[in-house]
Amino acid sequence: MIVMMVRNISQAKAELSALIEEVRKGNEVIVAKAGKPVARMVAYRGPARPRTPGSMAGEIWIAPDFDTLPEDMAEAFGMREPGR
């Protein structure tokens, strides 16, 4: 059974180690300021699945002129003199 605990910031500061232990047990801690929730503490589970570098190889294409700005945009960013 998951228990949700609510603590004001000052309480949370004073009880941080105990609150982390509660989170490690699977409970949820809500940190509030003036009685209004502002943050939620939950256990860190890590990434959902490991990333595989290069898994999109052959599925993505980048145009050869990708890094080249059109002349009007280069002018707008001051990278080329107007009318040149």
N, C-alpha and C. Protein backbone atom coordinates (compact mmCIF):
# COMPACT_ATOMS: atom_id res chain seq x y z
N MET A 1 0.84 -1.17 0.00
CA MET A 1 0.00 0.00 0.00
C MET A 1 0.89 1.24 0.00
N ILE A 2 0.67 2.13 -0.95
CA ILE A 2 1.44 3.36 -1.04
C ILE A 2 0.82 4.41 -0.14
N VAL A 3 1.65 5.05 0.66
CA VAL A 3 1.20 6.09 1.57
C VAL A 3 1.71 7.43 1.04
N MET A 4 0.84 8.42 1.01
CA MET A 4 1.25 9.76 0.58
C MET A 4 1.37 10.64 1.82
N MET A 5 2.55 11.24 1.97
CA MET A 5 2.80 12.11 3.10
C MET A 5 2.93 13.54 2.58
N VAL A 6 2.42 14.50 3.34
CA VAL A 6 2.54 15.91 2.97
C VAL A 6 3.33 16.61 4.07
N ARG A 7 4.37 17.34 3.67
CA ARG A 7 5.19 18.08 4.63
C ARG A 7 5.43 19.48 4.09
N ASN A 8 5.39 20.48 4.96
CA ASN A 8 5.77 21.83 4.57
C ASN A 8 7.29 21.86 4.42
N ILE A 9 7.79 22.86 3.72
CA ILE A 9 9.22 22.93 3.41
C ILE A 9 10.07 22.87 4.68
N SER A 10 9.70 23.62 5.71
CA SER A 10 10.51 23.62 6.94
C SER A 10 10.54 22.23 7.57
N GLN A 11 9.40 21.54 7.58
CA GLN A 11 9.36 20.18 8.11
C GLN A 11 10.22 19.26 7.24
N ALA A 12 10.09 19.39 5.93
CA ALA A 12 10.83 18.53 5.01
C ALA A 12 12.33 18.70 5.19
N LYS A 13 12.79 19.93 5.41
CA LYS A 13 14.22 20.18 5.64
C LYS A 13 14.69 19.45 6.90
N ALA A 14 13.89 19.54 7.95
CA ALA A 14 14.26 18.93 9.22
C ALA A 14 14.19 17.40 9.18
N GLU A 15 13.33 16.86 8.32
CA GLU A 15 13.10 15.41 8.27
C GLU A 15 13.59 14.77 6.97
N LEU A 16 14.48 15.42 6.25
CA LEU A 16 14.85 14.95 4.92
C LEU A 16 15.30 13.49 4.89
N SER A 17 16.17 13.09 5.79
CA SER A 17 16.65 11.70 5.79
C SER A 17 15.49 10.72 5.98
N ALA A 18 14.59 11.03 6.90
CA ALA A 18 13.45 10.16 7.16
C ALA A 18 12.51 10.12 5.95
N LEU A 19 12.32 11.27 5.31
CA LEU A 19 11.45 11.31 4.13
C LEU A 19 12.04 10.50 2.98
N ILE A 20 13.36 10.57 2.82
CA ILE A 20 14.01 9.77 1.77
C ILE A 20 13.82 8.29 2.05
N GLU A 21 13.89 7.88 3.30
CA GLU A 21 13.65 6.48 3.64
C GLU A 21 12.22 6.07 3.28
N GLU A 22 11.26 6.96 3.52
CA GLU A 22 9.87 6.67 3.16
C GLU A 22 9.74 6.49 1.64
N VAL A 23 10.41 7.36 0.89
CA VAL A 23 10.38 7.26 -0.57
C VAL A 23 11.01 5.94 -1.02
N ARG A 24 12.12 5.56 -0.39
CA ARG A 24 12.78 4.29 -0.75
C ARG A 24 11.86 3.09 -0.49
N LYS A 25 10.95 3.22 0.48
CA LYS A 25 10.00 2.15 0.79
C LYS A 25 8.84 2.11 -0.21
N GLY A 26 8.79 3.11 -1.10
CA GLY A 26 7.72 3.14 -2.10
C GLY A 26 6.64 4.16 -1.83
N ASN A 27 6.77 4.91 -0.76
CA ASN A 27 5.78 5.93 -0.43
C ASN A 27 6.08 7.23 -1.19
N GLU A 28 5.09 8.07 -1.28
CA GLU A 28 5.22 9.35 -1.97
C GLU A 28 5.18 10.47 -0.95
N VAL A 29 6.04 11.48 -1.15
CA VAL A 29 6.08 12.63 -0.24
C VAL A 29 5.79 13.88 -1.06
N ILE A 30 4.83 14.66 -0.60
CA ILE A 30 4.50 15.93 -1.23
C ILE A 30 5.08 17.03 -0.36
N VAL A 31 5.84 17.94 -0.98
CA VAL A 31 6.40 19.08 -0.26
C VAL A 31 5.53 20.29 -0.60
N ALA A 32 5.09 20.98 0.45
CA ALA A 32 4.17 22.11 0.27
C ALA A 32 4.78 23.39 0.80
N LYS A 33 4.33 24.50 0.24
CA LYS A 33 4.71 25.83 0.73
C LYS A 33 3.42 26.53 1.09
N ALA A 34 3.31 26.95 2.32
CA ALA A 34 2.09 27.58 2.83
C ALA A 34 0.87 26.69 2.59
N GLY A 35 1.07 25.39 2.73
CA GLY A 35 -0.03 24.45 2.58
C GLY A 35 -0.38 24.06 1.16
N LYS A 36 0.30 24.65 0.16
CA LYS A 36 0.02 24.34 -1.24
C LYS A 36 1.13 23.46 -1.80
N PRO A 37 0.79 22.31 -2.40
CA PRO A 37 1.81 21.41 -2.95
C PRO A 37 2.66 22.09 -4.02
N VAL A 38 3.99 21.90 -3.93
CA VAL A 38 4.90 22.47 -4.92
C VAL A 38 5.84 21.42 -5.51
N ALA A 39 6.03 20.29 -4.83
CA ALA A 39 6.95 19.26 -5.34
C ALA A 39 6.50 17.90 -4.85
N ARG A 40 6.92 16.88 -5.61
CA ARG A 40 6.58 15.51 -5.26
C ARG A 40 7.86 14.69 -5.23
N MET A 41 8.10 13.97 -4.16
CA MET A 41 9.27 13.10 -4.05
C MET A 41 8.81 11.66 -4.30
N VAL A 42 9.41 11.03 -5.28
CA VAL A 42 9.14 9.62 -5.59
C VAL A 42 10.48 8.93 -5.81
N ALA A 43 10.49 7.62 -5.71
CA ALA A 43 11.73 6.87 -5.90
C ALA A 43 12.20 6.98 -7.34
N TYR A 44 13.51 7.10 -7.51
CA TYR A 44 14.12 7.15 -8.84
C TYR A 44 14.22 5.74 -9.37
N ARG A 45 13.69 5.52 -10.56
CA ARG A 45 13.69 4.19 -11.16
C ARG A 45 14.68 4.06 -12.31
N GLY A 46 15.32 5.16 -12.69
CA GLY A 46 16.26 5.11 -13.80
C GLY A 46 15.53 5.15 -15.13
N PRO A 47 16.27 5.10 -16.23
CA PRO A 47 15.62 5.14 -17.54
C PRO A 47 14.74 3.90 -17.75
N ALA A 48 13.67 4.08 -18.51
CA ALA A 48 12.73 2.98 -18.76
C ALA A 48 13.42 1.80 -19.43
N ARG A 49 14.30 2.09 -20.38
CA ARG A 49 15.08 1.02 -21.03
C ARG A 49 16.39 1.63 -21.49
N PRO A 50 17.41 0.82 -21.58
CA PRO A 50 18.69 1.36 -22.01
C PRO A 50 18.62 1.87 -23.45
N ARG A 51 19.35 2.95 -23.70
CA ARG A 51 19.39 3.51 -25.05
C ARG A 51 20.40 2.73 -25.88
N THR A 52 20.08 2.57 -27.16
CA THR A 52 20.97 1.88 -28.07
C THR A 52 21.48 2.88 -29.09
N PRO A 53 22.77 3.27 -28.98
CA PRO A 53 23.31 4.22 -29.96
C PRO A 53 23.23 3.67 -31.37
N GLY A 54 22.83 4.52 -32.30
CA GLY A 54 22.76 4.12 -33.70
C GLY A 54 21.52 3.32 -34.06
N SER A 55 20.55 3.24 -33.19
CA SER A 55 19.37 2.43 -33.47
C SER A 55 18.50 2.99 -34.60
N MET A 56 18.71 4.26 -34.97
CA MET A 56 17.94 4.86 -36.07
C MET A 56 18.78 4.96 -37.35
N ALA A 57 19.91 4.29 -37.38
CA ALA A 57 20.78 4.34 -38.56
C ALA A 57 20.00 3.94 -39.81
N GLY A 58 20.15 4.75 -40.86
CA GLY A 58 19.45 4.48 -42.11
C GLY A 58 18.03 4.99 -42.16
N GLU A 59 17.50 5.47 -41.05
CA GLU A 59 16.12 5.96 -41.00
C GLU A 59 16.04 7.49 -40.98
N ILE A 60 17.18 8.14 -40.80
CA ILE A 60 17.20 9.60 -40.73
C ILE A 60 18.09 10.13 -41.84
N TRP A 61 17.60 11.19 -42.50
CA TRP A 61 18.36 11.80 -43.59
C TRP A 61 18.49 13.29 -43.31
N ILE A 62 19.68 13.82 -43.46
CA ILE A 62 19.91 15.24 -43.26
C ILE A 62 20.38 15.82 -44.59
N ALA A 63 19.71 16.86 -45.04
CA ALA A 63 20.02 17.49 -46.33
C ALA A 63 21.45 18.03 -46.31
N PRO A 64 22.14 17.99 -47.45
CA PRO A 64 23.51 18.49 -47.51
C PRO A 64 23.62 19.98 -47.16
N ASP A 65 22.56 20.76 -47.42
CA ASP A 65 22.61 22.19 -47.12
C ASP A 65 21.97 22.52 -45.76
N PHE A 66 21.89 21.56 -44.88
CA PHE A 66 21.25 21.73 -43.57
C PHE A 66 21.82 22.92 -42.80
N ASP A 67 23.12 23.11 -42.82
CA ASP A 67 23.76 24.18 -42.05
C ASP A 67 23.83 25.52 -42.79
N THR A 68 23.27 25.60 -43.99
CA THR A 68 23.32 26.82 -44.77
C THR A 68 22.01 27.58 -44.61
N LEU A 69 22.12 28.85 -44.19
CA LEU A 69 20.93 29.68 -44.04
C LEU A 69 20.54 30.28 -45.39
N PRO A 70 19.25 30.40 -45.67
CA PRO A 70 18.83 31.15 -46.85
C PRO A 70 19.30 32.60 -46.70
N GLU A 71 19.53 33.28 -47.83
CA GLU A 71 20.10 34.62 -47.80
C GLU A 71 19.28 35.59 -46.96
N ASP A 72 17.94 35.56 -47.06
CA ASP A 72 17.13 36.49 -46.29
C ASP A 72 17.27 36.26 -44.78
N MET A 73 17.41 35.01 -44.38
CA MET A 73 17.59 34.70 -42.96
C MET A 73 18.97 35.13 -42.48
N ALA A 74 19.99 34.93 -43.31
CA ALA A 74 21.35 35.35 -42.95
C ALA A 74 21.39 36.87 -42.78
N GLU A 75 20.68 37.59 -43.63
CA GLU A 75 20.60 39.05 -43.49
C GLU A 75 19.90 39.43 -42.18
N ALA A 76 18.80 38.74 -41.88
CA ALA A 76 18.03 39.05 -40.68
C ALA A 76 18.86 38.84 -39.41
N PHE A 77 19.79 37.88 -39.44
CA PHE A 77 20.63 37.60 -38.28
C PHE A 77 21.95 38.36 -38.33
N GLY A 78 22.11 39.23 -39.33
CA GLY A 78 23.31 40.04 -39.42
C GLY A 78 24.54 39.27 -39.87
N MET A 79 24.33 38.15 -40.52
CA MET A 79 25.45 37.33 -40.97
C MET A 79 25.86 37.66 -42.41
N ARG A 80 25.08 38.50 -43.05
CA ARG A 80 25.36 38.91 -44.43
C ARG A 80 24.83 40.32 -44.59
N GLU A 81 25.50 41.13 -45.40
CA GLU A 81 25.06 42.51 -45.63
C GLU A 81 23.80 42.51 -46.46
N PRO A 82 22.85 43.40 -46.15
CA PRO A 82 21.60 43.47 -46.91
C PRO A 82 21.86 43.75 -48.39
N GLY A 83 21.09 43.09 -49.25
CA GLY A 83 21.15 43.30 -50.69
C GLY A 83 22.40 42.74 -51.35
N ARG A 84 23.12 41.94 -50.65
CA ARG A 84 24.35 41.40 -51.22
C ARG A 84 24.16 40.03 -51.79
